[in-house]
Amino acid sequence: MRRIHLLHFFYPCLAYAHPPIEEMLNQVSRINRGSLGSDLNCSAGRLSAKEDIFPTPQATVEKIFDGKLTFLGRAKFPGSFQNYTCVYKTETAYILYHNCLSSKAEAEATDIAVIDFNGGLTRFYVENSGPGAISELTRSRYNLTWTVDFRPSHRPGQLSVEGLKSFMSRHSAINIGSGACYVGGTFKAQDLTQKTICSGPMKDSSVGRSWGSAAEKFWREPGKRWYQALRLLRKAVSGTN
């Protein structure tokens, strides 16, 4: 079943900080106005907006390999009630493999969400037509939809599958005030001119441009580790009772 892929939200300092969201958004807005220079004041101190202070898609993929991939369960998650989600965790993240069919067959749409234990949610979505399982395809054969985006979240803490369902439900509502960055789009997989689009406080900000630069490179060619991650998750699904 094809699913509508919503845009998600981006927030740069969640991997380090516990300051109020309003304070961080005010700082991003001040960067945009040129009144704060290029620094974001996270709890660990002042961090340059040019530094990698948020998880890039490349860094997020590595979290799938960070320690043992432990199966937590299978359930129907918000927004995907007709298909199952297989839930895993590593040493640094929860991995939600949406469209994980009960038959263990690979769906025509691969939808993977990675929830960083330090906060932040990255989502990768591929939908294809034609022969071949997505986990066995390289980027040049993605022919329908291919998107990567990042949304803000608090640190998830220790959660069960039911807890993760609640977590995803809480972080699925559109909140333009927090800003957003994404790359790609529906039926845009073959359009290599696609650029990152940011909204809200992230629009035209240095942190948005930095994430966008990394995300665009990944979107055009995600590389060997992405393909390995897809095969690892498919192997995990096949081995799940």
Protein backbone atom coordinates (compact mmCIF):
# COMPACT_ATOMS: atom_id res chain seq x y z
CA MET A 1 0.00 0.00 0.00
CA ARG A 2 1.30 3.42 -0.89
CA ARG A 3 1.47 5.93 1.91
CA ILE A 4 1.40 9.73 1.96
CA HIS A 5 4.80 10.92 3.11
CA LEU A 6 4.51 14.03 5.26
CA LEU A 7 7.24 16.58 5.71
CA HIS A 8 8.88 16.49 9.11
CA PHE A 9 10.70 18.90 11.30
CA PHE A 10 14.25 19.92 12.04
CA TYR A 11 15.86 21.16 15.24
CA PRO A 12 19.63 21.50 15.47
CA CYS A 13 20.80 21.15 19.08
CA LEU A 14 18.68 18.32 20.45
CA ALA A 15 21.61 15.91 20.46
CA TYR A 16 23.26 17.99 23.17
CA ALA A 17 20.80 20.12 24.98
CA HIS A 18 17.87 20.54 27.32
CA PRO A 19 17.21 24.30 26.92
CA PRO A 20 13.61 25.36 26.25
CA ILE A 21 12.60 25.02 22.61
CA GLU A 22 11.51 28.64 22.56
CA GLU A 23 15.00 29.76 23.60
CA MET A 24 16.69 27.74 20.85
CA LEU A 25 14.23 28.91 18.19
CA ASN A 26 14.80 32.50 19.25
CA GLN A 27 18.54 31.99 18.74
CA VAL A 28 18.00 30.54 15.26
CA SER A 29 15.76 33.48 14.40
CA ARG A 30 18.46 35.87 15.61
CA ILE A 31 21.00 34.10 13.39
CA ASN A 32 18.65 34.63 10.44
CA ARG A 33 18.42 38.34 11.29
CA GLY A 34 22.19 38.56 11.67
CA SER A 35 22.04 39.67 15.30
CA LEU A 36 23.65 36.56 16.82
CA GLY A 37 26.50 35.88 14.46
CA SER A 38 26.81 32.16 13.65
CA ASP A 39 26.62 30.56 17.09
CA LEU A 40 23.94 28.48 18.77
CA ASN A 41 24.03 28.36 22.57
CA CYS A 42 23.45 24.72 23.51
CA SER A 43 23.68 23.37 27.04
CA ALA A 44 27.24 22.19 26.46
CA GLY A 45 28.31 25.76 25.65
CA ARG A 46 28.37 27.88 22.55
CA LEU A 47 28.62 25.71 19.47
CA SER A 48 29.32 27.10 16.04
CA ALA A 49 26.42 26.70 13.65
CA LYS A 50 29.01 25.56 11.11
CA GLU A 51 29.84 22.52 13.23
CA ASP A 52 28.03 19.20 12.89
CA ILE A 53 25.81 19.79 15.92
CA PHE A 54 22.95 17.67 14.61
CA PRO A 55 22.86 14.17 13.08
CA THR A 56 23.42 14.16 9.33
CA PRO A 57 21.78 11.36 7.32
CA GLN A 58 25.19 9.73 7.00
CA ALA A 59 25.73 9.75 10.78
CA THR A 60 22.20 8.49 11.37
CA VAL A 61 22.70 5.46 9.12
CA GLU A 62 25.74 4.51 11.21
CA LYS A 63 23.50 4.25 14.27
CA ILE A 64 21.83 1.22 12.68
CA PHE A 65 25.19 -0.58 13.01
CA ASP A 66 25.99 0.71 16.50
CA GLY A 67 26.05 -2.50 18.56
CA LYS A 68 23.63 -5.39 18.45
CA LEU A 69 20.38 -4.90 16.54
CA THR A 70 17.82 -6.04 19.11
CA PHE A 71 14.25 -6.86 18.09
CA LEU A 72 11.65 -5.29 20.41
CA GLY A 73 8.44 -6.29 18.66
CA ARG A 74 6.06 -5.71 15.78
CA ALA A 75 3.00 -3.47 15.87
CA LYS A 76 0.78 -1.19 13.80
CA PHE A 77 1.99 2.37 14.33
CA PRO A 78 0.16 5.70 13.91
CA GLY A 79 -0.09 6.57 10.23
CA SER A 80 0.57 2.99 9.13
CA PHE A 81 -2.36 1.09 10.58
CA GLN A 82 -2.71 -1.30 7.64
CA ASN A 83 0.94 -2.38 7.68
CA TYR A 84 3.20 -3.50 10.49
CA THR A 85 6.27 -1.76 11.86
CA CYS A 86 9.19 -3.85 13.09
CA VAL A 87 10.89 -2.20 16.05
CA TYR A 88 14.58 -2.58 16.87
CA LYS A 89 17.15 -0.81 18.95
CA THR A 90 20.92 -0.46 18.89
CA GLU A 91 23.27 1.13 21.42
CA THR A 92 22.33 4.66 20.31
CA ALA A 93 18.93 4.61 18.60
CA TYR A 94 15.55 3.02 18.09
CA ILE A 95 14.94 1.80 14.55
CA LEU A 96 11.37 1.70 13.23
CA TYR A 97 11.06 -0.28 10.03
CA HIS A 98 7.60 0.68 8.76
CA ASN A 99 5.79 -1.41 6.14
CA CYS A 100 7.25 -4.55 7.71
CA LEU A 101 4.64 -6.99 6.42
CA SER A 102 3.51 -9.93 8.52
CA SER A 103 4.32 -12.22 5.58
CA LYS A 104 7.93 -10.93 5.77
CA ALA A 105 7.69 -9.98 2.09
CA GLU A 106 9.29 -6.66 1.19
CA ALA A 107 6.79 -3.87 0.56
CA GLU A 108 7.00 -1.54 -2.44
CA ALA A 109 7.64 1.33 -0.01
CA THR A 110 10.50 1.28 2.48
CA ASP A 111 9.98 3.67 5.38
CA ILE A 112 12.64 3.77 8.11
CA ALA A 113 12.65 6.07 11.11
CA VAL A 114 15.68 6.39 13.38
CA ILE A 115 15.09 7.92 16.82
CA ASP A 116 18.36 9.09 18.32
CA PHE A 117 18.72 8.35 22.04
CA ASN A 118 20.03 11.92 22.38
CA GLY A 119 16.95 13.32 20.65
CA GLY A 120 15.98 13.85 17.04
CA LEU A 121 14.17 11.72 14.47
CA THR A 122 15.44 11.09 10.94
CA ARG A 123 13.23 9.45 8.37
CA PHE A 124 14.15 7.77 5.08
CA TYR A 125 11.42 6.91 2.57
CA VAL A 126 11.75 5.06 -0.75
CA GLU A 127 8.87 4.05 -2.99
CA ASN A 128 9.56 2.30 -6.27
CA SER A 129 7.83 0.72 -9.24
CA GLY A 130 9.05 -2.10 -11.40
CA PRO A 131 10.91 -5.29 -10.59
CA GLY A 132 13.38 -5.71 -7.77
CA ALA A 133 13.17 -5.35 -4.00
CA ILE A 134 14.21 -1.91 -2.74
CA SER A 135 16.82 -3.45 -0.42
CA GLU A 136 18.57 -4.87 -3.48
CA LEU A 137 18.49 -1.70 -5.59
CA THR A 138 21.10 1.02 -5.91
CA ARG A 139 20.22 4.71 -5.99
CA SER A 140 20.17 4.95 -9.80
CA ARG A 141 17.17 2.62 -9.85
CA TYR A 142 15.02 4.62 -7.42
CA ASN A 143 12.31 5.81 -9.80
CA LEU A 144 9.37 7.18 -7.80
CA THR A 145 9.78 8.74 -4.36
CA TRP A 146 12.96 9.17 -2.30
CA THR A 147 12.98 11.58 0.64
CA VAL A 148 15.12 12.27 3.70
CA ASP A 149 14.05 14.58 6.52
CA PHE A 150 14.66 15.37 10.16
CA ARG A 151 12.17 16.36 12.84
CA PRO A 152 12.79 17.61 16.39
CA SER A 153 12.14 15.43 19.40
CA HIS A 154 13.10 15.19 23.01
CA ARG A 155 15.26 12.32 24.22
CA PRO A 156 13.02 9.23 24.06
CA GLY A 157 14.35 7.48 27.17
CA GLN A 158 13.70 3.79 27.73
CA LEU A 159 10.54 2.93 25.80
CA SER A 160 8.60 -0.21 25.00
CA VAL A 161 6.92 -0.72 21.63
CA GLU A 162 3.75 0.83 23.02
CA GLY A 163 5.79 3.72 24.39
CA LEU A 164 7.35 4.28 20.98
CA LYS A 165 3.89 4.34 19.40
CA SER A 166 2.95 7.14 21.78
CA PHE A 167 6.26 8.89 21.10
CA MET A 168 5.70 8.82 17.34
CA SER A 169 2.14 10.02 17.77
CA ARG A 170 3.29 12.99 19.84
CA HIS A 171 5.92 13.96 17.28
CA SER A 172 3.80 13.52 14.15
CA ALA A 173 1.80 16.77 14.29
CA ILE A 174 2.86 19.63 12.05
CA ASN A 175 4.51 22.41 14.03
CA ILE A 176 5.78 25.08 11.66
CA GLY A 177 7.20 27.08 14.56
CA SER A 178 10.00 24.56 15.08
CA GLY A 179 11.21 24.74 11.48
CA ALA A 180 11.84 21.90 9.05
CA CYS A 181 14.38 20.68 6.51
CA TYR A 182 13.95 17.91 3.96
CA VAL A 183 15.26 16.85 0.57
CA GLY A 184 13.51 14.95 -2.21
CA GLY A 185 9.82 14.57 -2.89
CA THR A 186 6.98 12.47 -4.24
CA PHE A 187 7.77 11.22 -7.77
CA LYS A 188 11.06 13.17 -7.65
CA ALA A 189 13.56 10.34 -7.22
CA GLN A 190 15.01 10.77 -10.71
CA ASP A 191 15.17 14.57 -10.55
CA LEU A 192 18.75 15.13 -9.42
CA THR A 193 18.25 18.89 -9.33
CA GLN A 194 16.33 18.56 -6.05
CA LYS A 195 17.53 20.90 -3.29
CA THR A 196 16.93 20.94 0.43
CA ILE A 197 13.90 22.93 1.52
CA CYS A 198 13.78 24.44 5.00
CA SER A 199 10.95 26.31 6.66
CA GLY A 200 10.36 28.37 9.76
CA PRO A 201 13.44 29.40 11.78
CA MET A 202 15.64 27.05 9.73
CA LYS A 203 14.96 28.83 6.46
CA ASP A 204 18.10 30.60 5.18
CA SER A 205 19.97 29.75 8.41
CA SER A 206 23.56 28.49 8.49
CA VAL A 207 22.52 25.30 10.31
CA GLY A 208 19.86 24.63 7.68
CA ARG A 209 22.37 25.13 4.89
CA SER A 210 24.85 22.82 6.63
CA TRP A 211 22.32 20.00 7.05
CA GLY A 212 21.09 20.57 3.53
CA SER A 213 24.56 20.22 2.06
CA ALA A 214 25.11 16.85 3.77
CA ALA A 215 21.57 15.68 3.01
CA GLU A 216 21.77 16.53 -0.69
CA LYS A 217 24.97 14.51 -1.08
CA PHE A 218 23.36 11.57 0.69
CA TRP A 219 20.14 11.86 -1.32
CA ARG A 220 21.97 11.82 -4.65
CA GLU A 221 24.11 8.83 -3.66
CA PRO A 222 23.56 7.38 -0.16
CA GLY A 223 26.51 5.03 -0.53
CA LYS A 224 27.51 1.56 0.57
CA ARG A 225 26.53 1.87 4.22
CA TRP A 226 22.94 2.75 3.29
CA TYR A 227 22.66 -0.33 1.08
CA GLN A 228 24.21 -2.43 3.83
CA ALA A 229 21.73 -1.03 6.35
CA LEU A 230 18.77 -1.98 4.15
CA ARG A 231 20.07 -5.51 3.72
CA LEU A 232 20.78 -5.80 7.45
CA LEU A 233 17.21 -4.80 8.30
CA ARG A 234 15.74 -7.17 5.70
CA LYS A 235 17.82 -9.99 7.16
CA ALA A 236 16.58 -9.08 10.63
CA VAL A 237 12.95 -9.16 9.43
CA SER A 238 13.43 -12.52 7.76
CA GLY A 239 14.88 -13.94 10.98
CA THR A 240 12.08 -12.61 13.18
CA ASN A 241 9.58 -15.18 14.41
